[in-house]
């Protein structure tokens, strides 16, 4: 129990202290945000700070801090270290910089920002992976709510019917003004997500005799490797993405960057929402470890069998909280993925709009961009339902592409600080977490035993190759930091920002 409360306290202190450090490194000022400077009534529109916070939370959360954290419980209490340190030093910094840099560039997507602050090659990489990731997220988050709704109706309403209903909602939500559907529903859903997490941890705390929490000091080991699973490095750092560090968030923060009313709101909205997600992930990881007793071989095997899924959420919630927990589980598992899927489709539409330079104010342009995406997502969703193993394949590709995007976004943030002549050494603030995530994702790609490269390469080779790639990129960064003259680029960057003002 003490490990959980200490971790919770560190997360809160991280927000109170490190978020201010992050804000100071970024150096906010009094310039107008896009919502004030040039609102368009569709995507760029001012929202109250509390509403921006809750929408941002729902945008980045989905089922990630629930399903991912439950799967992360398989590694044991060491997952607390990743959630806390990853969130404060990496994930919240990542989300804050993505949102604030976007705000200074008229709400541009991370794709366009990568061109401005890193270069054309990075823009191409980011465009490909952003669109792939967003399509995968939209498709992935159709399966679990559709399947659960089928079981709740006793099979009377088939999953594919629910799939069509959810996809229809995605289409509507992606094209209407942000304040019409998302702005009205998401604050309510955000409160539900928070209440659900608080109810679950309350159920664990009041039943410590049945479900004792595990302490880190007595279980400082990798439970997964001990039980024949994948080792914590790099797999814990890709399994628990939402709640720690997640590249998907870089596609969502620019959406809310179009809605904040001043740069002062960025700390509460972007950094604060990520810390709130970290708290939710912490709760579900603690609950899963206690409920399944992962310190025992049978308990670990039971959780490994169900994994982070609607099944494990339903078992934990209904057992700990009875009928109330069942309702909360249903609402959470249905609502959370849907609220990630629709904003993923919307973000993809915005990225394509930038690419093809189509005015998003016109409904016909929004339809031109959204309908082909809708068809693609529908096709992948149908493919998911044809075979249960297809979902696992999709999820593995989502896992590494998600963290690759996170590493890339941290390098974009580093490029922003590096080209700022006022203090380029501040770029170390984002370069160090960028190095860690680059090494993580490179090691994952070469070591994951179920994807192409990992099937043929031993894990020890993956460690060497992954570390070498990370160090090579970091070495190039250090060269730019120490020997390149970025003051010339500074004027160009400032002019680029001002051209959007």
Protein backbone atom coordinates (compact mmCIF):
# COMPACT_ATOMS: atom_id res chain seq x y z
CA UNK A 1 0.00 0.00 0.00
CA UNK A 2 2.83 2.38 0.87
CA UNK A 3 4.45 1.97 -2.53
CA UNK A 4 1.21 3.04 -4.22
CA UNK A 5 0.76 6.13 -2.03
CA UNK A 6 4.40 7.18 -2.38
CA UNK A 7 4.13 6.82 -6.17
CA UNK A 8 0.90 8.84 -6.12
CA UNK A 9 2.55 11.57 -4.04
CA UNK A 10 5.52 11.75 -6.43
CA UNK A 11 3.15 12.15 -9.40
CA UNK A 12 1.37 15.01 -7.66
CA UNK A 13 4.65 16.67 -6.69
CA UNK A 14 5.86 16.15 -10.24
CA UNK A 15 2.96 18.21 -11.49
CA UNK A 16 3.37 20.91 -8.85
CA UNK A 17 7.14 21.27 -9.33
CA UNK A 18 8.41 19.73 -12.57
CA UNK A 19 5.58 21.16 -14.67
CA UNK A 20 6.78 24.62 -13.67
CA UNK A 21 10.33 23.67 -14.62
CA UNK A 22 9.01 22.49 -17.99
CA UNK A 23 7.11 25.74 -18.44
CA UNK A 24 10.26 27.73 -17.61
CA UNK A 25 12.32 25.73 -20.12
CA UNK A 26 9.72 26.39 -22.82
CA UNK A 27 9.46 30.09 -21.84
CA UNK A 28 5.81 31.06 -22.27
CA UNK A 29 4.81 34.64 -23.06
CA UNK A 30 1.73 36.77 -23.66
CA UNK A 31 1.28 36.10 -27.39
CA UNK A 32 -2.20 35.26 -28.61
CA UNK A 33 -3.11 31.62 -29.15
CA UNK A 34 -4.79 30.41 -32.38
CA UNK A 35 -8.19 30.26 -30.65
CA UNK A 36 -8.00 33.99 -29.90
CA UNK A 37 -6.09 35.11 -33.00
CA UNK A 38 -7.97 33.36 -35.81
CA UNK A 39 -10.83 31.06 -34.72
CA UNK A 40 -12.57 29.22 -37.56
CA UNK A 41 -15.59 27.82 -35.71
CA UNK A 42 -14.73 24.22 -36.64
CA UNK A 43 -11.36 23.10 -35.28
CA UNK A 44 -9.93 26.37 -33.95
CA UNK A 45 -12.25 27.67 -31.27
CA UNK A 46 -11.74 28.93 -27.68
CA UNK A 47 -12.87 26.60 -24.88
CA UNK A 48 -12.90 27.04 -21.08
CA UNK A 49 -9.71 25.72 -19.45
CA UNK A 50 -11.53 23.01 -17.49
CA UNK A 51 -13.18 21.76 -20.64
CA UNK A 52 -9.89 21.77 -22.57
CA UNK A 53 -8.34 19.74 -19.73
CA UNK A 54 -11.08 17.09 -19.73
CA UNK A 55 -11.12 16.82 -23.53
CA UNK A 56 -7.33 16.48 -23.58
CA UNK A 57 -7.56 13.78 -20.90
CA UNK A 58 -10.12 11.79 -22.88
CA UNK A 59 -8.21 12.33 -26.12
CA UNK A 60 -4.99 10.87 -24.74
CA UNK A 61 -6.47 8.32 -22.35
CA UNK A 62 -8.95 5.98 -24.03
CA UNK A 63 -8.36 2.46 -22.74
CA UNK A 64 -4.59 2.97 -22.75
CA UNK A 65 -4.09 3.74 -19.03
CA UNK A 66 -6.48 0.87 -18.22
CA UNK A 67 -5.59 -1.98 -20.59
CA UNK A 68 -1.90 -1.05 -20.82
CA UNK A 69 -1.52 -0.67 -17.05
CA UNK A 70 -3.23 -4.01 -16.38
CA UNK A 71 -0.85 -5.70 -18.83
CA UNK A 72 2.00 -3.81 -17.18
CA UNK A 73 1.09 -5.44 -13.86
CA UNK A 74 2.64 -8.64 -15.26
CA UNK A 75 6.05 -7.05 -14.68
CA UNK A 76 5.33 -6.54 -10.99
CA UNK A 77 5.69 -3.41 -8.83
CA UNK A 78 8.64 -2.17 -10.93
CA UNK A 79 5.93 -0.90 -13.30
CA UNK A 80 5.28 1.85 -10.71
CA UNK A 81 8.76 3.25 -11.43
CA UNK A 82 8.04 3.49 -15.16
CA UNK A 83 4.62 5.06 -14.69
CA UNK A 84 5.92 7.69 -12.25
CA UNK A 85 9.29 8.56 -13.81
CA UNK A 86 8.12 8.05 -17.39
CA UNK A 87 5.11 10.29 -16.86
CA UNK A 88 6.85 13.15 -15.07
CA UNK A 89 10.15 13.26 -16.96
CA UNK A 90 9.02 12.00 -20.37
CA UNK A 91 5.32 11.73 -21.15
CA UNK A 92 4.10 14.98 -19.62
CA UNK A 93 7.07 16.88 -21.08
CA UNK A 94 6.33 15.28 -24.47
CA UNK A 95 2.66 16.28 -24.37
CA UNK A 96 3.37 19.80 -23.12
CA UNK A 97 5.93 20.60 -25.80
CA UNK A 98 3.83 19.08 -28.59
CA UNK A 99 0.86 21.20 -27.55
CA UNK A 100 2.74 24.43 -26.92
CA UNK A 101 4.91 24.32 -30.04
CA UNK A 102 1.74 23.65 -32.03
CA UNK A 103 0.04 26.62 -30.38
CA UNK A 104 2.91 28.86 -31.47
CA UNK A 105 2.45 27.62 -35.04
CA UNK A 106 -1.31 28.19 -35.43
CA UNK A 107 -2.21 24.69 -34.21
CA UNK A 108 -0.14 22.88 -36.84
CA UNK A 109 0.16 19.11 -36.51
CA UNK A 110 3.30 17.36 -35.32
CA UNK A 111 3.97 16.45 -38.97
CA UNK A 112 4.36 20.07 -40.07
CA UNK A 113 6.25 20.97 -36.90
CA UNK A 114 8.78 18.23 -37.65
CA UNK A 115 9.52 19.89 -41.00
CA UNK A 116 9.98 23.30 -39.40
CA UNK A 117 12.25 22.20 -36.53
CA UNK A 118 14.05 19.09 -37.79
CA UNK A 119 13.78 18.86 -41.58
CA UNK A 120 12.02 17.43 -44.62
CA UNK A 121 13.09 13.84 -44.00
CA UNK A 122 11.61 13.87 -40.50
CA UNK A 123 8.40 15.34 -41.91
CA UNK A 124 8.06 12.41 -44.31
CA UNK A 125 8.71 9.89 -41.52
CA UNK A 126 6.25 11.61 -39.21
CA UNK A 127 3.56 11.85 -41.87
CA UNK A 128 3.76 8.14 -42.61
CA UNK A 129 3.79 7.02 -39.00
CA UNK A 130 1.22 9.54 -37.82
CA UNK A 131 -1.32 8.47 -40.43
CA UNK A 132 -0.59 4.75 -39.92
CA UNK A 133 -0.82 5.10 -36.14
CA UNK A 134 -4.05 7.09 -36.25
CA UNK A 135 -5.71 4.63 -38.64
CA UNK A 136 -4.60 1.74 -36.41
CA UNK A 137 -5.92 3.46 -33.27
CA UNK A 138 -9.29 4.15 -34.91
CA UNK A 139 -9.59 0.53 -36.03
CA UNK A 140 -8.23 -1.02 -32.81
CA UNK A 141 -10.74 0.85 -30.68
CA UNK A 142 -13.72 -0.52 -32.54
CA UNK A 143 -13.16 -4.15 -31.53
CA UNK A 144 -13.39 -4.14 -27.72
CA UNK A 145 -16.56 -2.03 -27.32
CA UNK A 146 -18.31 -3.89 -30.15
CA UNK A 147 -17.53 -7.29 -28.64
CA UNK A 148 -18.55 -6.21 -25.15
CA UNK A 149 -21.83 -4.72 -26.34
CA UNK A 150 -22.63 -7.98 -28.15
CA UNK A 151 -22.12 -9.97 -24.93
CA UNK A 152 -24.19 -7.50 -22.91
CA UNK A 153 -27.12 -7.94 -25.28
CA UNK A 154 -26.83 -11.72 -25.02
CA UNK A 155 -25.74 -11.99 -28.63
CA UNK A 156 -29.03 -10.58 -29.87
CA UNK A 157 -27.25 -7.60 -31.42
CA UNK A 158 -24.15 -8.86 -33.22
CA UNK A 159 -20.76 -7.21 -32.79
CA UNK A 160 -20.62 -6.19 -36.44
CA UNK A 161 -23.83 -4.17 -35.98
CA UNK A 162 -22.29 -2.36 -33.02
CA UNK A 163 -19.19 -1.86 -35.15
CA UNK A 164 -21.23 -0.08 -37.80
CA UNK A 165 -22.90 2.14 -35.18
CA UNK A 166 -19.54 3.09 -33.66
CA UNK A 167 -18.01 3.76 -37.07
CA UNK A 168 -20.97 5.98 -37.96
CA UNK A 169 -20.35 7.97 -34.77
CA UNK A 170 -16.67 8.27 -35.70
CA UNK A 171 -17.60 9.77 -39.06
CA UNK A 172 -19.96 12.34 -37.55
CA UNK A 173 -17.61 13.31 -34.72
CA UNK A 174 -14.66 13.72 -37.08
CA UNK A 175 -16.34 16.27 -39.35
CA UNK A 176 -18.58 18.41 -37.12
CA UNK A 177 -17.16 21.43 -35.20
CA UNK A 178 -15.20 20.37 -32.12
CA UNK A 179 -17.52 22.14 -29.69
CA UNK A 180 -20.67 20.44 -31.01
CA UNK A 181 -20.02 16.78 -30.08
CA UNK A 182 -16.58 16.43 -28.48
CA UNK A 183 -16.92 19.66 -26.50
CA UNK A 184 -20.26 18.58 -25.05
CA UNK A 185 -19.73 14.84 -24.42
CA UNK A 186 -16.05 14.57 -23.47
CA UNK A 187 -16.20 16.52 -20.19
CA UNK A 188 -18.90 14.09 -19.01
CA UNK A 189 -16.90 11.07 -20.16
CA UNK A 190 -13.76 12.47 -18.52
CA UNK A 191 -15.50 12.66 -15.15
CA UNK A 192 -16.73 9.07 -15.61
CA UNK A 193 -13.16 7.88 -16.33
CA UNK A 194 -11.88 9.55 -13.15
CA UNK A 195 -14.76 8.26 -10.98
CA UNK A 196 -14.24 4.74 -12.35
CA UNK A 197 -10.55 4.77 -11.36
CA UNK A 198 -11.28 6.18 -7.88
CA UNK A 199 -13.98 3.57 -7.25
CA UNK A 200 -11.62 0.73 -8.23
CA UNK A 201 -8.77 1.85 -5.99
CA UNK A 202 -11.27 2.38 -3.18
CA UNK A 203 -12.44 -1.21 -3.62
CA UNK A 204 -8.86 -2.46 -3.30
CA UNK A 205 -8.00 -0.29 -0.28
CA UNK A 206 -11.07 -1.38 1.67
CA UNK A 207 -10.43 -5.07 0.95
CA UNK A 208 -6.74 -5.36 1.75
CA UNK A 209 -7.34 -8.64 3.56
CA UNK A 210 -8.44 -10.23 0.26
CA UNK A 211 -6.41 -8.20 -2.20
CA UNK A 212 -3.19 -6.94 -0.56
CA UNK A 213 -1.20 -4.44 -2.59
CA UNK A 214 2.34 -5.43 -3.50
CA UNK A 215 5.24 -3.37 -2.20
CA UNK A 216 8.23 -2.54 -4.40
CA UNK A 217 10.74 -3.00 -1.60
CA UNK A 218 9.78 -6.69 -1.21
CA UNK A 219 9.31 -7.41 -4.91
CA UNK A 220 12.10 -5.55 -6.71
CA UNK A 221 12.31 -7.99 -9.61
CA UNK A 222 10.94 -8.60 -13.09
CA UNK A 223 7.89 -10.83 -12.58
CA UNK A 224 7.46 -11.30 -16.33
CA UNK A 225 10.96 -12.68 -16.97
CA UNK A 226 10.68 -14.79 -13.81
CA UNK A 227 7.55 -16.48 -15.20
CA UNK A 228 8.87 -17.00 -18.72
CA UNK A 229 7.46 -13.83 -20.26
CA UNK A 230 9.17 -10.96 -22.08
CA UNK A 231 11.73 -8.91 -20.08
CA UNK A 232 10.91 -5.47 -18.73
CA UNK A 233 13.37 -3.75 -21.09
CA UNK A 234 12.06 -2.77 -23.55
CA UNK A 235 8.68 -4.49 -23.32
CA UNK A 236 7.35 -2.85 -20.14
CA UNK A 237 8.14 0.53 -21.68
CA UNK A 238 6.04 -0.25 -24.74
CA UNK A 239 3.27 -2.15 -22.94
CA UNK A 240 2.59 0.77 -20.60
CA UNK A 241 2.54 3.69 -23.04
CA UNK A 242 -0.53 5.74 -22.11
CA UNK A 243 0.14 6.69 -18.51
CA UNK A 244 3.90 6.97 -19.09
CA UNK A 245 5.06 7.99 -22.60
CA UNK A 246 2.89 7.67 -25.71
CA UNK A 247 3.43 9.02 -29.22
CA UNK A 248 -0.30 8.96 -29.90
CA UNK A 249 -0.58 11.98 -27.61
CA UNK A 250 1.45 14.04 -30.08
CA UNK A 251 -1.42 13.73 -32.54
CA UNK A 252 -3.93 14.87 -29.91
CA UNK A 253 -2.24 17.80 -28.16
CA UNK A 254 -2.26 19.98 -31.33
CA UNK A 255 -6.04 19.51 -31.46
CA UNK A 256 -6.42 21.19 -28.07
CA UNK A 257 -3.64 23.66 -28.88
CA UNK A 258 -6.24 25.18 -31.20
CA UNK A 259 -8.61 25.69 -28.24
CA UNK A 260 -6.59 27.05 -25.30
CA UNK A 261 -7.03 30.76 -24.69
CA UNK A 262 -3.52 31.61 -23.42
CA UNK A 263 -0.10 30.00 -23.12
CA UNK A 264 -0.50 30.01 -19.33
CA UNK A 265 -3.20 27.34 -19.69
CA UNK A 266 -0.75 24.92 -21.31
CA UNK A 267 0.76 23.68 -18.06
CA UNK A 268 -2.59 22.68 -16.57
CA UNK A 269 -4.06 21.35 -19.81
CA UNK A 270 -1.18 19.42 -21.39
CA UNK A 271 1.13 18.56 -18.49
CA UNK A 272 -1.77 18.24 -16.05
CA UNK A 273 -3.83 15.90 -18.24
CA UNK A 274 -0.84 13.59 -18.68
CA UNK A 275 -0.23 13.43 -14.93
CA UNK A 276 -3.92 12.69 -14.42
CA UNK A 277 -3.58 9.84 -16.90
CA UNK A 278 -0.51 8.64 -14.99
CA UNK A 279 -2.59 8.51 -11.81
CA UNK A 280 -5.25 6.45 -13.60
CA UNK A 281 -2.59 4.04 -14.92
CA UNK A 282 -1.07 3.77 -11.43
CA UNK A 283 -4.46 2.84 -9.98
CA UNK A 284 -5.20 0.13 -12.54
CA UNK A 285 -1.70 -1.38 -12.30
CA UNK A 286 -1.99 -1.54 -8.50
CA UNK A 287 -5.50 -2.99 -8.69
CA UNK A 288 -4.50 -5.67 -11.21
CA UNK A 289 -1.46 -6.77 -9.16
CA UNK A 290 -3.56 -7.03 -6.00
CA UNK A 291 -6.61 -8.65 -7.60
CA UNK A 292 -4.75 -11.35 -9.54
CA UNK A 293 -1.98 -11.82 -6.95
CA UNK A 294 0.73 -11.66 -9.59
CA UNK A 295 3.35 -12.49 -6.93
CA UNK A 296 2.16 -16.10 -7.24
CA UNK A 297 2.69 -18.32 -10.28
CA UNK A 298 -1.03 -19.10 -10.59
CA UNK A 299 -2.01 -15.46 -10.23
CA UNK A 300 0.53 -14.33 -12.82
CA UNK A 301 -0.68 -17.01 -15.24
CA UNK A 302 -4.32 -15.96 -14.70
CA UNK A 303 -3.55 -12.34 -15.56
CA UNK A 304 -1.34 -13.38 -18.49
CA UNK A 305 -4.29 -15.36 -19.86
CA UNK A 306 -6.78 -12.46 -19.87
CA UNK A 307 -4.22 -9.64 -20.26
CA UNK A 308 -5.29 -6.03 -20.47
CA UNK A 309 -8.74 -6.48 -21.95
CA UNK A 310 -12.44 -5.90 -21.36
CA UNK A 311 -12.47 -9.28 -19.58
CA UNK A 312 -9.91 -8.28 -16.95
CA UNK A 313 -11.56 -4.87 -16.44
CA UNK A 314 -14.95 -6.51 -15.96
CA UNK A 315 -13.56 -9.12 -13.54
CA UNK A 316 -11.76 -6.54 -11.41
CA UNK A 317 -14.60 -4.02 -11.32
CA UNK A 318 -17.51 -6.42 -10.78
CA UNK A 319 -15.71 -8.41 -8.06
CA UNK A 320 -14.43 -5.39 -6.15
CA UNK A 321 -17.54 -3.23 -6.48
CA UNK A 322 -20.42 -5.57 -7.26
CA UNK A 323 -23.23 -4.33 -9.55
CA UNK A 324 -21.91 -0.76 -9.40
CA UNK A 325 -18.52 -1.96 -10.58
CA UNK A 326 -20.11 -3.87 -13.43
CA UNK A 327 -21.84 -0.72 -14.64
CA UNK A 328 -18.62 1.31 -14.32
CA UNK A 329 -16.67 -1.34 -16.22
CA UNK A 330 -19.23 -1.40 -19.00
CA UNK A 331 -19.32 2.38 -19.30
CA UNK A 332 -15.53 2.66 -19.17
CA UNK A 333 -14.73 -0.13 -21.60
CA UNK A 334 -17.33 1.12 -24.07
CA UNK A 335 -16.75 4.87 -23.81
CA UNK A 336 -12.96 5.06 -23.41
CA UNK A 337 -11.93 3.37 -26.66
CA UNK A 338 -14.61 5.19 -28.63
CA UNK A 339 -13.33 8.57 -27.41
CA UNK A 340 -9.85 7.67 -28.63
CA UNK A 341 -11.07 6.36 -31.96
CA UNK A 342 -13.08 9.41 -33.00
CA UNK A 343 -10.35 11.94 -32.14
CA UNK A 344 -7.79 9.74 -33.91
CA UNK A 345 -9.88 9.95 -37.07
CA UNK A 346 -10.26 13.71 -36.60
CA UNK A 347 -6.51 14.17 -36.14
CA UNK A 348 -5.83 12.14 -39.26
CA UNK A 349 -8.20 14.37 -41.20
CA UNK A 350 -6.36 17.47 -39.96
CA UNK A 351 -2.95 16.07 -40.92
CA UNK A 352 -4.19 15.23 -44.41
CA UNK A 353 -5.77 18.69 -44.67
CA UNK A 354 -2.38 20.28 -43.98
CA UNK A 355 -0.72 18.00 -46.50
CA UNK A 356 -3.13 18.74 -49.36
CA UNK A 357 -3.71 22.36 -48.26
CA UNK A 358 -7.50 21.97 -48.13
CA UNK A 359 -9.49 24.56 -46.18
CA UNK A 360 -11.08 22.71 -43.26
CA UNK A 361 -13.85 25.29 -42.85
CA UNK A 362 -15.68 23.79 -45.83
CA UNK A 363 -17.72 20.69 -45.06
CA UNK A 364 -17.10 19.22 -48.51
CA UNK A 365 -13.34 19.34 -47.94
CA UNK A 366 -13.72 17.63 -44.58
CA UNK A 367 -15.77 14.89 -46.26
CA UNK A 368 -13.25 14.50 -49.09
CA UNK A 369 -10.54 13.82 -46.52
CA UNK A 370 -12.56 11.78 -44.03
CA UNK A 371 -14.50 9.38 -46.27
CA UNK A 372 -11.45 7.53 -47.70
CA UNK A 373 -10.09 7.18 -44.14
CA UNK A 374 -13.47 5.92 -43.00
CA UNK A 375 -13.47 3.23 -45.70
CA UNK A 376 -9.93 2.16 -44.75
CA UNK A 377 -10.75 1.97 -41.04
CA UNK A 378 -13.93 0.02 -41.78
CA UNK A 379 -11.95 -2.51 -43.82
CA UNK A 380 -9.38 -3.02 -41.06
CA UNK A 381 -12.18 -3.34 -38.48
CA UNK A 382 -13.85 -6.08 -40.52
CA UNK A 383 -10.47 -7.83 -40.86
CA UNK A 384 -10.15 -7.68 -37.06
CA UNK A 385 -13.41 -9.55 -36.61
CA UNK A 386 -12.49 -12.33 -39.05
CA UNK A 387 -9.91 -13.83 -36.69
CA UNK A 388 -9.18 -13.07 -33.01
CA UNK A 389 -5.43 -13.35 -33.64
CA UNK A 390 -5.62 -10.42 -36.08
CA UNK A 391 -6.18 -8.02 -33.18
CA UNK A 392 -2.96 -9.19 -31.49
CA UNK A 393 -1.02 -8.62 -34.72
CA UNK A 394 -2.48 -5.14 -35.03
CA UNK A 395 -1.69 -4.32 -31.42
CA UNK A 396 1.99 -5.31 -31.73
CA UNK A 397 2.44 -3.03 -34.73
CA UNK A 398 0.59 -0.28 -32.88
CA UNK A 399 2.90 -0.69 -29.86
CA UNK A 400 6.17 -0.03 -31.66
CA UNK A 401 4.84 2.58 -34.10
CA UNK A 402 3.33 4.44 -31.13
CA UNK A 403 6.64 4.63 -29.26
CA UNK A 404 8.56 5.44 -32.44
CA UNK A 405 6.31 8.46 -32.82
CA UNK A 406 6.97 9.40 -29.17
CA UNK A 407 10.73 9.32 -29.74
CA UNK A 408 10.37 11.37 -32.93
CA UNK A 409 8.22 13.99 -31.18
CA UNK A 410 10.75 14.36 -28.39
CA UNK A 411 13.43 14.95 -31.05
CA UNK A 412 11.18 17.57 -32.69
CA UNK A 413 10.86 19.28 -29.30
CA UNK A 414 14.64 19.07 -28.98
CA UNK A 415 15.00 20.65 -32.42
CA UNK A 416 12.72 23.49 -31.31
CA UNK A 417 14.90 24.21 -28.27
CA UNK A 418 18.16 23.65 -30.13
CA UNK A 419 17.29 26.24 -32.76
CA UNK A 420 16.27 28.75 -30.11
CA UNK A 421 19.36 30.94 -29.81
CA UNK A 422 18.30 32.14 -26.35
CA UNK A 423 19.58 28.96 -24.70
CA UNK A 424 20.22 25.90 -26.82
CA UNK A 425 21.53 23.87 -23.86
CA UNK A 426 17.94 23.73 -22.62
CA UNK A 427 17.45 21.18 -25.39
CA UNK A 428 19.00 18.52 -23.13
CA UNK A 429 15.72 18.68 -21.23
CA UNK A 430 13.96 16.82 -24.08
CA UNK A 431 17.00 15.17 -25.72
CA UNK A 432 17.62 12.79 -22.79
CA UNK A 433 14.08 11.29 -22.78
CA UNK A 434 14.30 11.24 -26.60
CA UNK A 435 17.46 9.11 -26.31
CA UNK A 436 15.73 6.69 -23.94
CA UNK A 437 12.66 6.28 -26.15
CA UNK A 438 14.77 5.89 -29.30
CA UNK A 439 16.71 3.08 -27.63
CA UNK A 440 13.51 1.47 -26.36
CA UNK A 441 11.75 1.39 -29.72
CA UNK A 442 14.86 0.27 -31.65
CA UNK A 443 15.40 -2.59 -29.19
CA UNK A 444 11.72 -3.52 -29.44
CA UNK A 445 11.76 -3.67 -33.24
CA UNK A 446 14.81 -5.96 -33.25
CA UNK A 447 13.78 -8.05 -30.25
CA UNK A 448 9.99 -8.54 -30.31
CA UNK A 449 9.66 -12.30 -30.98
CA UNK A 450 6.34 -12.07 -32.82
CA UNK A 451 7.30 -9.56 -35.51
CA UNK A 452 9.64 -10.14 -38.44
CA UNK A 453 13.02 -9.03 -37.07
CA UNK A 454 12.56 -10.45 -33.58
CA UNK A 455 11.85 -13.91 -34.95
CA UNK A 456 15.41 -14.24 -36.24
CA UNK A 457 17.51 -12.04 -33.95
CA UNK A 458 18.52 -13.07 -30.39
CA UNK A 459 17.54 -10.66 -27.63
CA UNK A 460 21.16 -9.87 -26.74
CA UNK A 461 21.74 -8.68 -30.31
CA UNK A 462 18.61 -6.51 -30.08
CA UNK A 463 20.02 -4.87 -26.94
CA UNK A 464 23.30 -4.03 -28.68
CA UNK A 465 21.69 -2.78 -31.91
CA UNK A 466 19.00 -0.77 -30.07
CA UNK A 467 21.54 0.91 -27.79
CA UNK A 468 23.86 1.64 -30.72
CA UNK A 469 21.10 3.32 -32.73
CA UNK A 470 20.10 5.47 -29.77
CA UNK A 471 23.69 6.53 -29.05
CA UNK A 472 24.41 7.31 -32.71
CA UNK A 473 21.41 9.65 -32.93
CA UNK A 474 22.29 11.22 -29.59
CA UNK A 475 25.88 11.67 -30.79
CA UNK A 476 24.62 13.56 -33.84
CA UNK A 477 22.51 15.74 -31.53
CA UNK A 478 25.55 16.52 -29.35
CA UNK A 479 27.50 17.52 -32.46
CA UNK A 480 24.70 19.93 -33.41
CA UNK A 481 24.57 21.24 -29.84
CA UNK A 482 28.30 21.85 -29.49
CA UNK A 483 29.56 22.71 -32.95
CA UNK A 484 26.67 23.96 -35.12
CA UNK A 485 25.75 27.63 -35.25
CA UNK A 486 22.01 27.68 -34.72
CA UNK A 487 21.69 31.42 -34.36
CA UNK A 488 21.25 31.77 -38.10
CA UNK A 489 18.39 29.30 -38.01
CA UNK A 490 16.80 31.12 -35.10
CA UNK A 491 15.69 34.09 -37.20
CA UNK A 492 14.25 31.73 -39.82
CA UNK A 493 12.28 29.83 -37.17
CA UNK A 494 10.95 33.01 -35.61
CA UNK A 495 9.83 34.19 -39.03
CA UNK A 496 8.15 30.83 -39.62
CA UNK A 497 6.23 31.19 -36.34
CA UNK A 498 5.32 34.81 -37.05
CA UNK A 499 3.98 33.91 -40.50
CA UNK A 500 1.25 31.93 -38.75
CA UNK A 501 0.37 34.70 -36.32
